Amino acid sequence: MQTTHDSDKRKLLEALSHGSIFFSTFVLSAGLPLGIWFISDDPVVKDNALESLNFHLNVWLYTVIFGILTWVLIGWPLLGILWIVQLVMPILAILNSLRNPDQVFRYPFIFRLL
């Protein structure tokens, strides 16, 4: 039995999942895609939420590594690049989710830990 999923609901959940990185609190920015991943029954929404969660984990990991590297001064430009990537990539993911809600957006150059 094939189930159809509401396109508007799919767009909203995917955009919320990818856009959650713009929330400043640690729990909310990771908790939103995690909650969407657990609650949703739509496989595309689940995959997008998981991809967003992986992006969050990668950003946090790189922030710690580059923060440590600031002691040898190479971390400052790397943190600047990471900040730009953290700003641009979720915007591209949101736009892709709104344009094509049936496709999972894959962030480039991240480790898929989950």
PDB file of N, CA and C in Angstrom:
ATOM      1  N   MET A   1       0.835  -1.177   0.000  1.00  0.00           N
ATOM      2  CA  MET A   1       0.000   0.000   0.000  1.00  0.00           C
ATOM      3  C   MET A   1       0.883   1.244   0.000  1.00  0.00           C
ATOM      4  N   GLN A   2       0.691   2.087  -0.962  1.00  0.00           N
ATOM      5  CA  GLN A   2       1.489   3.295  -1.081  1.00  0.00           C
ATOM      6  C   GLN A   2       0.748   4.458  -0.423  1.00  0.00           C
ATOM      7  N   THR A   3       1.458   5.174   0.420  1.00  0.00           N
ATOM      8  CA  THR A   3       0.845   6.326   1.070  1.00  0.00           C
ATOM      9  C   THR A   3       1.356   7.594   0.420  1.00  0.00           C
ATOM     10  N   THR A   4       0.487   8.564   0.297  1.00  0.00           N
ATOM     11  CA  THR A   4       0.899   9.855  -0.237  1.00  0.00           C
ATOM     12  C   THR A   4       1.054  10.807   0.930  1.00  0.00           C
ATOM     13  N   HIS A   5       2.018  11.672   0.811  1.00  0.00           N
ATOM     14  CA  HIS A   5       2.309  12.613   1.883  1.00  0.00           C
ATOM     15  C   HIS A   5       1.991  14.026   1.408  1.00  0.00           C
ATOM     16  N   ASP A   6       1.528  14.839   2.325  1.00  0.00           N
ATOM     17  CA  ASP A   6       1.169  16.223   2.045  1.00  0.00           C
ATOM     18  C   ASP A   6       2.421  17.015   1.678  1.00  0.00           C
ATOM     19  N   SER A   7       2.408  17.603   0.494  1.00  0.00           N
ATOM     20  CA  SER A   7       3.574  18.331  -0.003  1.00  0.00           C
ATOM     21  C   SER A   7       3.880  19.571   0.844  1.00  0.00           C
ATOM     22  N   ASP A   8       2.853  20.292   1.270  1.00  0.00           N
ATOM     23  CA  ASP A   8       3.081  21.488   2.082  1.00  0.00           C
ATOM     24  C   ASP A   8       3.656  21.129   3.447  1.00  0.00           C
ATOM     25  N   LYS A   9       3.147  20.071   4.048  1.00  0.00           N
ATOM     26  CA  LYS A   9       3.669  19.620   5.335  1.00  0.00           C
ATOM     27  C   LYS A   9       5.121  19.160   5.182  1.00  0.00           C
ATOM     28  N   ARG A  10       5.391  18.465   4.095  1.00  0.00           N
ATOM     29  CA  ARG A  10       6.751  18.002   3.821  1.00  0.00           C
ATOM     30  C   ARG A  10       7.703  19.190   3.671  1.00  0.00           C
ATOM     31  N   LYS A  11       7.283  20.202   2.908  1.00  0.00           N
ATOM     32  CA  LYS A  11       8.124  21.389   2.724  1.00  0.00           C
ATOM     33  C   LYS A  11       8.404  22.084   4.053  1.00  0.00           C
ATOM     34  N   LEU A  12       7.370  22.226   4.869  1.00  0.00           N
ATOM     35  CA  LEU A  12       7.514  22.902   6.160  1.00  0.00           C
ATOM     36  C   LEU A  12       8.472  22.144   7.077  1.00  0.00           C
ATOM     37  N   LEU A  13       8.284  20.850   7.205  1.00  0.00           N
ATOM     38  CA  LEU A  13       9.140  20.066   8.095  1.00  0.00           C
ATOM     39  C   LEU A  13      10.584  20.020   7.607  1.00  0.00           C
ATOM     40  N   GLU A  14      10.780  19.919   6.300  1.00  0.00           N
ATOM     41  CA  GLU A  14      12.136  19.922   5.761  1.00  0.00           C
ATOM     42  C   GLU A  14      12.809  21.276   5.983  1.00  0.00           C
ATOM     43  N   ALA A  15      12.081  22.364   5.738  1.00  0.00           N
ATOM     44  CA  ALA A  15      12.646  23.695   5.938  1.00  0.00           C
ATOM     45  C   ALA A  15      12.956  23.949   7.414  1.00  0.00           C
ATOM     46  N   LEU A  16      12.070  23.515   8.310  1.00  0.00           N
ATOM     47  CA  LEU A  16      12.332  23.658   9.751  1.00  0.00           C
ATOM     48  C   LEU A  16      13.553  22.848  10.169  1.00  0.00           C
ATOM     49  N   SER A  17      13.680  21.686   9.608  1.00  0.00           N
ATOM     50  CA  SER A  17      14.795  20.813   9.949  1.00  0.00           C
ATOM     51  C   SER A  17      16.128  21.442   9.541  1.00  0.00           C
ATOM     52  N   HIS A  18      16.194  21.941   8.316  1.00  0.00           N
ATOM     53  CA  HIS A  18      17.441  22.543   7.838  1.00  0.00           C
ATOM     54  C   HIS A  18      17.676  23.924   8.440  1.00  0.00           C
ATOM     55  N   GLY A  19      16.618  24.659   8.697  1.00  0.00           N
ATOM     56  CA  GLY A  19      16.753  26.010   9.229  1.00  0.00           C
ATOM     57  C   GLY A  19      16.976  26.073  10.722  1.00  0.00           C
ATOM     58  N   SER A  20      16.883  24.948  11.390  1.00  0.00           N
ATOM     59  CA  SER A  20      17.036  24.953  12.849  1.00  0.00           C
ATOM     60  C   SER A  20      18.434  25.346  13.295  1.00  0.00           C
ATOM     61  N   ILE A  21      19.407  25.270  12.422  1.00  0.00           N
ATOM     62  CA  ILE A  21      20.767  25.642  12.803  1.00  0.00           C
ATOM     63  C   ILE A  21      20.869  27.143  13.090  1.00  0.00           C
ATOM     64  N   PHE A  22      19.900  27.909  12.638  1.00  0.00           N
ATOM     65  CA  PHE A  22      19.909  29.340  12.895  1.00  0.00           C
ATOM     66  C   PHE A  22      19.412  29.696  14.293  1.00  0.00           C
ATOM     67  N   PHE A  23      18.828  28.720  15.014  1.00  0.00           N
ATOM     68  CA  PHE A  23      18.451  28.950  16.399  1.00  0.00           C
ATOM     69  C   PHE A  23      19.712  28.870  17.252  1.00  0.00           C
ATOM     70  N   SER A  24      19.858  29.766  18.166  1.00  0.00           N
ATOM     71  CA  SER A  24      21.129  29.871  18.882  1.00  0.00           C
ATOM     72  C   SER A  24      21.297  28.871  20.010  1.00  0.00           C
ATOM     73  N   THR A  25      20.223  28.395  20.584  1.00  0.00           N
ATOM     74  CA  THR A  25      20.386  27.489  21.715  1.00  0.00           C
ATOM     75  C   THR A  25      20.752  26.099  21.229  1.00  0.00           C
ATOM     76  N   PHE A  26      21.616  25.470  21.972  1.00  0.00           N
ATOM     77  CA  PHE A  26      22.149  24.167  21.606  1.00  0.00           C
ATOM     78  C   PHE A  26      21.055  23.114  21.506  1.00  0.00           C
ATOM     79  N   VAL A  27      20.174  23.063  22.486  1.00  0.00           N
ATOM     80  CA  VAL A  27      19.147  22.027  22.541  1.00  0.00           C
ATOM     81  C   VAL A  27      18.129  22.209  21.425  1.00  0.00           C
ATOM     82  N   LEU A  28      17.716  23.442  21.165  1.00  0.00           N
ATOM     83  CA  LEU A  28      16.696  23.679  20.151  1.00  0.00           C
ATOM     84  C   LEU A  28      17.232  23.442  18.750  1.00  0.00           C
ATOM     85  N   SER A  29      18.463  23.852  18.482  1.00  0.00           N
ATOM     86  CA  SER A  29      18.974  23.707  17.128  1.00  0.00           C
ATOM     87  C   SER A  29      19.157  22.239  16.750  1.00  0.00           C
ATOM     88  N   ALA A  30      19.525  21.388  17.665  1.00  0.00           N
ATOM     89  CA  ALA A  30      19.655  19.958  17.369  1.00  0.00           C
ATOM     90  C   ALA A  30      18.379  19.211  17.705  1.00  0.00           C
ATOM     91  N   GLY A  31      17.616  19.721  18.642  1.00  0.00           N
ATOM     92  CA  GLY A  31      16.406  19.029  19.065  1.00  0.00           C
ATOM     93  C   GLY A  31      15.296  19.059  18.030  1.00  0.00           C
ATOM     94  N   LEU A  32      15.250  20.121  17.250  1.00  0.00           N
ATOM     95  CA  LEU A  32      14.199  20.231  16.240  1.00  0.00           C
ATOM     96  C   LEU A  32      14.332  19.157  15.158  1.00  0.00           C
ATOM     97  N   PRO A  33      15.491  19.008  14.503  1.00  0.00           N
ATOM     98  CA  PRO A  33      15.577  17.911  13.520  1.00  0.00           C
ATOM     99  C   PRO A  33      15.482  16.533  14.161  1.00  0.00           C
ATOM    100  N   LEU A  34      15.973  16.411  15.394  1.00  0.00           N
ATOM    101  CA  LEU A  34      15.867  15.127  16.085  1.00  0.00           C
ATOM    102  C   LEU A  34      14.402  14.777  16.365  1.00  0.00           C
ATOM    103  N   GLY A  35      13.634  15.758  16.803  1.00  0.00           N
ATOM    104  CA  GLY A  35      12.210  15.546  17.038  1.00  0.00           C
ATOM    105  C   GLY A  35      11.452  15.238  15.757  1.00  0.00           C
ATOM    106  N   ILE A  36      11.782  15.954  14.695  1.00  0.00           N
ATOM    107  CA  ILE A  36      11.139  15.697  13.405  1.00  0.00           C
ATOM    108  C   ILE A  36      11.493  14.293  12.923  1.00  0.00           C
ATOM    109  N   TRP A  37      12.721  13.891  13.150  1.00  0.00           N
ATOM    110  CA  TRP A  37      13.170  12.560  12.741  1.00  0.00           C
ATOM    111  C   TRP A  37      12.381  11.471  13.476  1.00  0.00           C
ATOM    112  N   PHE A  38      12.139  11.665  14.775  1.00  0.00           N
ATOM    113  CA  PHE A  38      11.408  10.670  15.547  1.00  0.00           C
ATOM    114  C   PHE A  38       9.903  10.680  15.269  1.00  0.00           C
ATOM    115  N   ILE A  39       9.325  11.845  15.052  1.00  0.00           N
ATOM    116  CA  ILE A  39       7.873  11.972  14.957  1.00  0.00           C
ATOM    117  C   ILE A  39       7.333  11.702  13.554  1.00  0.00           C
ATOM    118  N   SER A  40       8.058  12.127  12.535  1.00  0.00           N
ATOM    119  CA  SER A  40       7.537  12.027  11.172  1.00  0.00           C
ATOM    120  C   SER A  40       7.497  10.582  10.684  1.00  0.00           C
ATOM    121  N   ASP A  41       6.495  10.302   9.868  1.00  0.00           N
ATOM    122  CA  ASP A  41       6.411   8.989   9.239  1.00  0.00           C
ATOM    123  C   ASP A  41       6.766   9.049   7.755  1.00  0.00           C
ATOM    124  N   ASP A  42       7.085  10.242   7.272  1.00  0.00           N
ATOM    125  CA  ASP A  42       7.463  10.447   5.879  1.00  0.00           C
ATOM    126  C   ASP A  42       8.954  10.131   5.711  1.00  0.00           C
ATOM    127  N   PRO A  43       9.320   9.194   4.839  1.00  0.00           N
ATOM    128  CA  PRO A  43      10.735   8.819   4.705  1.00  0.00           C
ATOM    129  C   PRO A  43      11.622   9.943   4.180  1.00  0.00           C
ATOM    130  N   VAL A  44      11.104  10.806   3.315  1.00  0.00           N
ATOM    131  CA  VAL A  44      11.912  11.914   2.794  1.00  0.00           C
ATOM    132  C   VAL A  44      12.175  12.937   3.891  1.00  0.00           C
ATOM    133  N   VAL A  45      11.169  13.227   4.686  1.00  0.00           N
ATOM    134  CA  VAL A  45      11.331  14.158   5.806  1.00  0.00           C
ATOM    135  C   VAL A  45      12.318  13.587   6.821  1.00  0.00           C
ATOM    136  N   LYS A  46      12.223  12.295   7.096  1.00  0.00           N
ATOM    137  CA  LYS A  46      13.148  11.644   8.030  1.00  0.00           C
ATOM    138  C   LYS A  46      14.583  11.732   7.521  1.00  0.00           C
ATOM    139  N   ASP A  47      14.791  11.493   6.224  1.00  0.00           N
ATOM    140  CA  ASP A  47      16.139  11.565   5.659  1.00  0.00           C
ATOM    141  C   ASP A  47      16.687  12.984   5.693  1.00  0.00           C
ATOM    142  N   ASN A  48      15.834  13.975   5.418  1.00  0.00           N
ATOM    143  CA  ASN A  48      16.277  15.367   5.495  1.00  0.00           C
ATOM    144  C   ASN A  48      16.610  15.762   6.927  1.00  0.00           C
ATOM    145  N   ALA A  49      15.812  15.316   7.888  1.00  0.00           N
ATOM    146  CA  ALA A  49      16.089  15.625   9.293  1.00  0.00           C
ATOM    147  C   ALA A  49      17.395  14.979   9.735  1.00  0.00           C
ATOM    148  N   LEU A  50      17.632  13.756   9.306  1.00  0.00           N
ATOM    149  CA  LEU A  50      18.876  13.070   9.647  1.00  0.00           C
ATOM    150  C   LEU A  50      20.079  13.768   9.013  1.00  0.00           C
ATOM    151  N   GLU A  51      19.930  14.223   7.786  1.00  0.00           N
ATOM    152  CA  GLU A  51      21.015  14.942   7.120  1.00  0.00           C
ATOM    153  C   GLU A  51      21.295  16.269   7.835  1.00  0.00           C
ATOM    154  N   SER A  52      20.240  16.951   8.258  1.00  0.00           N
ATOM    155  CA  SER A  52      20.410  18.193   9.007  1.00  0.00           C
ATOM    156  C   SER A  52      21.106  17.945  10.336  1.00  0.00           C
ATOM    157  N   LEU A  53      20.739  16.877  11.009  1.00  0.00           N
ATOM    158  CA  LEU A  53      21.378  16.526  12.276  1.00  0.00           C
ATOM    159  C   LEU A  53      22.858  16.200  12.078  1.00  0.00           C
ATOM    160  N   ASN A  54      23.171  15.508  11.012  1.00  0.00           N
ATOM    161  CA  ASN A  54      24.575  15.238  10.693  1.00  0.00           C
ATOM    162  C   ASN A  54      25.340  16.527  10.423  1.00  0.00           C
ATOM    163  N   PHE A  55      24.706  17.484   9.752  1.00  0.00           N
ATOM    164  CA  PHE A  55      25.354  18.768   9.501  1.00  0.00           C
ATOM    165  C   PHE A  55      25.621  19.500  10.815  1.00  0.00           C
ATOM    166  N   HIS A  56      24.649  19.454  11.744  1.00  0.00           N
ATOM    167  CA  HIS A  56      24.837  20.063  13.063  1.00  0.00           C
ATOM    168  C   HIS A  56      26.048  19.459  13.768  1.00  0.00           C
ATOM    169  N   LEU A  57      26.105  18.145  13.786  1.00  0.00           N
ATOM    170  CA  LEU A  57      27.219  17.470  14.470  1.00  0.00           C
ATOM    171  C   LEU A  57      28.560  17.816  13.835  1.00  0.00           C
ATOM    172  N   ASN A  58      28.603  17.909  12.516  1.00  0.00           N
ATOM    173  CA  ASN A  58      29.836  18.276  11.843  1.00  0.00           C
ATOM    174  C   ASN A  58      30.250  19.706  12.163  1.00  0.00           C
ATOM    175  N   VAL A  59      29.287  20.617  12.182  1.00  0.00           N
ATOM    176  CA  VAL A  59      29.604  22.017  12.514  1.00  0.00           C
ATOM    177  C   VAL A  59      30.153  22.106  13.934  1.00  0.00           C
ATOM    178  N   TRP A  60      29.538  21.395  14.869  1.00  0.00           N
ATOM    179  CA  TRP A  60      30.023  21.436  16.256  1.00  0.00           C
ATOM    180  C   TRP A  60      31.412  20.828  16.365  1.00  0.00           C
ATOM    181  N   LEU A  61      31.649  19.728  15.674  1.00  0.00           N
ATOM    182  CA  LEU A  61      32.959  19.085  15.695  1.00  0.00           C
ATOM    183  C   LEU A  61      34.021  19.999  15.110  1.00  0.00           C
ATOM    184  N   TYR A  62      33.740  20.600  13.965  1.00  0.00           N
ATOM    185  CA  TYR A  62      34.699  21.510  13.342  1.00  0.00           C
ATOM    186  C   TYR A  62      34.921  22.756  14.189  1.00  0.00           C
ATOM    187  N   THR A  63      33.901  23.235  14.877  1.00  0.00           N
ATOM    188  CA  THR A  63      34.060  24.392  15.748  1.00  0.00           C
ATOM    189  C   THR A  63      35.035  24.083  16.880  1.00  0.00           C
ATOM    190  N   VAL A  64      34.921  22.910  17.470  1.00  0.00           N
ATOM    191  CA  VAL A  64      35.837  22.519  18.543  1.00  0.00           C
ATOM    192  C   VAL A  64      37.262  22.399  18.006  1.00  0.00           C
ATOM    193  N   ILE A  65      37.410  21.725  16.873  1.00  0.00           N
ATOM    194  CA  ILE A  65      38.748  21.545  16.295  1.00  0.00           C
ATOM    195  C   ILE A  65      39.362  22.882  15.916  1.00  0.00           C
ATOM    196  N   PHE A  66      38.613  23.724  15.230  1.00  0.00           N
ATOM    197  CA  PHE A  66      39.145  25.024  14.808  1.00  0.00           C
ATOM    198  C   PHE A  66      39.356  25.945  16.002  1.00  0.00           C
ATOM    199  N   GLY A  67      38.530  25.799  17.037  1.00  0.00           N
ATOM    200  CA  GLY A  67      38.743  26.578  18.263  1.00  0.00           C
ATOM    201  C   GLY A  67      40.062  26.220  18.921  1.00  0.00           C
ATOM    202  N   ILE A  68      40.385  24.945  18.932  1.00  0.00           N
ATOM    203  CA  ILE A  68      41.686  24.523  19.468  1.00  0.00           C
ATOM    204  C   ILE A  68      42.817  25.043  18.592  1.00  0.00           C
ATOM    205  N   LEU A  69      42.601  25.061  17.286  1.00  0.00           N
ATOM    206  CA  LEU A  69      43.635  25.543  16.369  1.00  0.00           C
ATOM    207  C   LEU A  69      43.855  27.053  16.444  1.00  0.00           C
ATOM    208  N   THR A  70      42.970  27.788  17.112  1.00  0.00           N
ATOM    209  CA  THR A  70      43.199  29.227  17.254  1.00  0.00           C
ATOM    210  C   THR A  70      44.438  29.509  18.106  1.00  0.00           C
ATOM    211  N   TRP A  71      44.852  28.526  18.888  1.00  0.00           N
ATOM    212  CA  TRP A  71      46.063  28.701  19.691  1.00  0.00           C
ATOM    213  C   TRP A  71      47.291  28.822  18.811  1.00  0.00           C
ATOM    214  N   VAL A  72      47.260  28.226  17.634  1.00  0.00           N
ATOM    215  CA  VAL A  72      48.384  28.357  16.700  1.00  0.00           C
ATOM    216  C   VAL A  72      48.026  29.302  15.555  1.00  0.00           C
ATOM    217  N   LEU A  73      46.989  30.086  15.736  1.00  0.00           N
ATOM    218  CA  LEU A  73      46.523  31.165  14.861  1.00  0.00           C
ATOM    219  C   LEU A  73      45.944  30.724  13.526  1.00  0.00           C
ATOM    220  N   ILE A  74      46.014  29.448  13.172  1.00  0.00           N
ATOM    221  CA  ILE A  74      45.404  29.018  11.912  1.00  0.00           C
ATOM    222  C   ILE A  74      43.903  28.819  12.060  1.00  0.00           C
ATOM    223  N   GLY A  75      43.423  28.706  13.276  1.00  0.00           N
ATOM    224  CA  GLY A  75      42.009  28.461  13.509  1.00  0.00           C
ATOM    225  C   GLY A  75      41.115  29.640  13.201  1.00  0.00           C
ATOM    226  N   TRP A  76      41.624  30.870  13.312  1.00  0.00           N
ATOM    227  CA  TRP A  76      40.774  32.047  13.076  1.00  0.00           C
ATOM    228  C   TRP A  76      40.223  32.086  11.656  1.00  0.00           C
ATOM    229  N   PRO A  77      41.050  31.949  10.605  1.00  0.00           N
ATOM    230  CA  PRO A  77      40.442  31.959   9.263  1.00  0.00           C
ATOM    231  C   PRO A  77      39.550  30.743   9.013  1.00  0.00           C
ATOM    232  N   LEU A  78      39.893  29.609   9.621  1.00  0.00           N
ATOM    233  CA  LEU A  78      39.056  28.426   9.458  1.00  0.00           C
ATOM    234  C   LEU A  78      37.696  28.612  10.119  1.00  0.00           C
ATOM    235  N   LEU A  79      37.673  29.275  11.269  1.00  0.00           N
ATOM    236  CA  LEU A  79      36.392  29.573  11.920  1.00  0.00           C
ATOM    237  C   LEU A  79      35.552  30.524  11.064  1.00  0.00           C
ATOM    238  N   GLY A  80      36.211  31.467  10.397  1.00  0.00           N
ATOM    239  CA  GLY A  80      35.504  32.380   9.493  1.00  0.00           C
ATOM    240  C   GLY A  80      34.884  31.644   8.316  1.00  0.00           C
ATOM    241  N   ILE A  81      35.638  30.720   7.748  1.00  0.00           N
ATOM    242  CA  ILE A  81      35.114  29.918   6.637  1.00  0.00           C
ATOM    243  C   ILE A  81      33.967  29.046   7.115  1.00  0.00           C
ATOM    244  N   LEU A  82      34.121  28.458   8.286  1.00  0.00           N
ATOM    245  CA  LEU A  82      33.061  27.616   8.842  1.00  0.00           C
ATOM    246  C   LEU A  82      31.797  28.431   9.088  1.00  0.00           C
ATOM    247  N   TRP A  83      31.948  29.651   9.566  1.00  0.00           N
ATOM    248  CA  TRP A  83      30.792  30.513   9.807  1.00  0.00           C
ATOM    249  C   TRP A  83      30.044  30.780   8.503  1.00  0.00           C
ATOM    250  N   ILE A  84      30.787  31.043   7.420  1.00  0.00           N
ATOM    251  CA  ILE A  84      30.152  31.295   6.115  1.00  0.00           C
ATOM    252  C   ILE A  84      29.439  30.036   5.619  1.00  0.00           C
ATOM    253  N   VAL A  85      30.101  28.881   5.757  1.00  0.00           N
ATOM    254  CA  VAL A  85      29.497  27.617   5.332  1.00  0.00           C
ATOM    255  C   VAL A  85      28.244  27.330   6.154  1.00  0.00           C
ATOM    256  N   GLN A  86      28.316  27.598   7.448  1.00  0.00           N
ATOM    257  CA  GLN A  86      27.184  27.368   8.336  1.00  0.00           C
ATOM    258  C   GLN A  86      26.016  28.282   7.985  1.00  0.00           C
ATOM    259  N   LEU A  87      26.279  29.400   7.385  1.00  0.00           N
ATOM    260  CA  LEU A  87      25.231  30.327   6.980  1.00  0.00           C
ATOM    261  C   LEU A  87      24.665  29.978   5.607  1.00  0.00           C
ATOM    262  N   VAL A  88      25.519  29.632   4.662  1.00  0.00           N
ATOM    263  CA  VAL A  88      25.103  29.435   3.272  1.00  0.00           C
ATOM    264  C   VAL A  88      24.460  28.069   3.029  1.00  0.00           C
ATOM    265  N   MET A  89      25.051  27.006   3.554  1.00  0.00           N
ATOM    266  CA  MET A  89      24.573  25.664   3.231  1.00  0.00           C
ATOM    267  C   MET A  89      23.137  25.401   3.700  1.00  0.00           C
ATOM    268  N   PRO A  90      22.737  25.795   4.912  1.00  0.00           N
ATOM    269  CA  PRO A  90      21.328  25.582   5.278  1.00  0.00           C
ATOM    270  C   PRO A  90      20.353  26.391   4.418  1.00  0.00           C
ATOM    271  N   ILE A  91      20.769  27.571   3.978  1.00  0.00           N
ATOM    272  CA  ILE A  91      19.912  28.356   3.093  1.00  0.00           C
ATOM    273  C   ILE A  91      19.713  27.616   1.777  1.00  0.00           C
ATOM    274  N   LEU A  92      20.800  27.054   1.239  1.00  0.00           N
ATOM    275  CA  LEU A  92      20.678  26.258   0.013  1.00  0.00           C
ATOM    276  C   LEU A  92      19.802  25.028   0.237  1.00  0.00           C
ATOM    277  N   ALA A  93      19.927  24.411   1.409  1.00  0.00           N
ATOM    278  CA  ALA A  93      19.104  23.236   1.723  1.00  0.00           C
ATOM    279  C   ALA A  93      17.632  23.611   1.824  1.00  0.00           C
ATOM    280  N   ILE A  94      17.332  24.745   2.448  1.00  0.00           N
ATOM    281  CA  ILE A  94      15.944  25.193   2.563  1.00  0.00           C
ATOM    282  C   ILE A  94      15.363  25.487   1.179  1.00  0.00           C
ATOM    283  N   LEU A  95      16.130  26.189   0.352  1.00  0.00           N
ATOM    284  CA  LEU A  95      15.648  26.495  -0.996  1.00  0.00           C
ATOM    285  C   LEU A  95      15.425  25.220  -1.810  1.00  0.00           C
ATOM    286  N   ASN A  96      16.325  24.264  -1.673  1.00  0.00           N
ATOM    287  CA  ASN A  96      16.165  22.996  -2.383  1.00  0.00           C
ATOM    288  C   ASN A  96      14.935  22.233  -1.873  1.00  0.00           C
ATOM    289  N   SER A  97      14.703  22.277  -0.568  1.00  0.00           N
ATOM    290  CA  SER A  97      13.544  21.595   0.001  1.00  0.00           C
ATOM    291  C   SER A  97      12.233  22.227  -0.456  1.00  0.00           C
ATOM    292  N   LEU A  98      12.230  23.529  -0.601  1.00  0.00           N
ATOM    293  CA  LEU A  98      11.011  24.205  -1.049  1.00  0.00           C
ATOM    294  C   LEU A  98      10.777  24.003  -2.541  1.00  0.00           C
ATOM    295  N   ARG A  99      11.861  23.930  -3.313  1.00  0.00           N
ATOM    296  CA  ARG A  99      11.744  23.726  -4.752  1.00  0.00           C
ATOM    297  C   ARG A  99      11.391  22.291  -5.108  1.00  0.00           C
ATOM    298  N   ASN A 100      12.056  21.355  -4.433  1.00  0.00           N
ATOM    299  CA  ASN A 100      11.870  19.950  -4.746  1.00  0.00           C
ATOM    300  C   ASN A 100      11.683  19.158  -3.444  1.00  0.00           C
ATOM    301  N   PRO A 101      10.480  19.129  -2.913  1.00  0.00           N
ATOM    302  CA  PRO A 101      10.264  18.484  -1.605  1.00  0.00           C
ATOM    303  C   PRO A 101      10.381  16.959  -1.629  1.00  0.00           C
ATOM    304  N   ASP A 102      10.418  16.366  -2.810  1.00  0.00           N
ATOM    305  CA  ASP A 102      10.499  14.910  -2.893  1.00  0.00           C
ATOM    306  C   ASP A 102      11.928  14.385  -2.923  1.00  0.00           C
ATOM    307  N   GLN A 103      12.901  15.286  -2.856  1.00  0.00           N
ATOM    308  CA  GLN A 103      14.301  14.891  -2.939  1.00  0.00           C
ATOM    309  C   GLN A 103      15.017  15.267  -1.643  1.00  0.00           C
ATOM    310  N   VAL A 104      15.912  14.395  -1.196  1.00  0.00           N
ATOM    311  CA  VAL A 104      16.690  14.641   0.015  1.00  0.00           C
ATOM    312  C   VAL A 104      17.892  15.495  -0.349  1.00  0.00           C
ATOM    313  N   PHE A 105      18.101  16.573   0.405  1.00  0.00           N
ATOM    314  CA  PHE A 105      19.280  17.416   0.186  1.00  0.00           C
ATOM    315  C   PHE A 105      20.462  16.801   0.919  1.00  0.00           C
ATOM    316  N   ARG A 106      21.563  16.623   0.227  1.00  0.00           N
ATOM    317  CA  ARG A 106      22.786  16.079   0.820  1.00  0.00           C
ATOM    318  C   ARG A 106      23.821  17.197   0.935  1.00  0.00           C
ATOM    319  N   TYR A 107      24.251  17.451   2.167  1.00  0.00           N
ATOM    320  CA  TYR A 107      25.294  18.438   2.385  1.00  0.00           C
ATOM    321  C   TYR A 107      26.623  17.870   1.881  1.00  0.00           C
ATOM    322  N   PRO A 108      27.373  18.662   1.126  1.00  0.00           N
ATOM    323  CA  PRO A 108      28.668  18.153   0.668  1.00  0.00           C
ATOM    324  C   PRO A 108      29.727  18.231   1.757  1.00  0.00           C
ATOM    325  N   PHE A 109      30.704  17.362   1.688  1.00  0.00           N
ATOM    326  CA  PHE A 109      31.887  17.380   2.550  1.00  0.00           C
ATOM    327  C   PHE A 109      31.588  17.215   4.037  1.00  0.00           C
ATOM    328  N   ILE A 110      30.591  16.426   4.385  1.00  0.00           N
ATOM    329  CA  ILE A 110      30.352  16.156   5.800  1.00  0.00           C
ATOM    330  C   ILE A 110      30.474  14.669   6.046  1.00  0.00           C
ATOM    331  N   PHE A 111      30.757  14.341   7.301  1.00  0.00           N
ATOM    332  CA  PHE A 111      30.769  12.955   7.723  1.00  0.00           C
ATOM    333  C   PHE A 111      29.354  12.603   8.165  1.00  0.00           C
ATOM    334  N   ARG A 112      28.828  11.552   7.632  1.00  0.00           N
ATOM    335  CA  ARG A 112      27.491  11.122   8.025  1.00  0.00           C
ATOM    336  C   ARG A 112      27.653  10.181   9.212  1.00  0.00           C
ATOM    337  N   LEU A 113      27.504  10.744  10.393  1.00  0.00           N
ATOM    338  CA  LEU A 113      27.723  10.005  11.625  1.00  0.00           C
ATOM    339  C   LEU A 113      26.501   9.203  12.037  1.00  0.00           C
ATOM    340  N   LEU A 114      25.321   9.637  11.654  1.00  0.00           N
ATOM    341  CA  LEU A 114      24.070   8.945  12.020  1.00  0.00           C
ATOM    342  C   LEU A 114      23.457   8.281  10.802  1.00  0.00           C
TER     343      LEU A 114
END
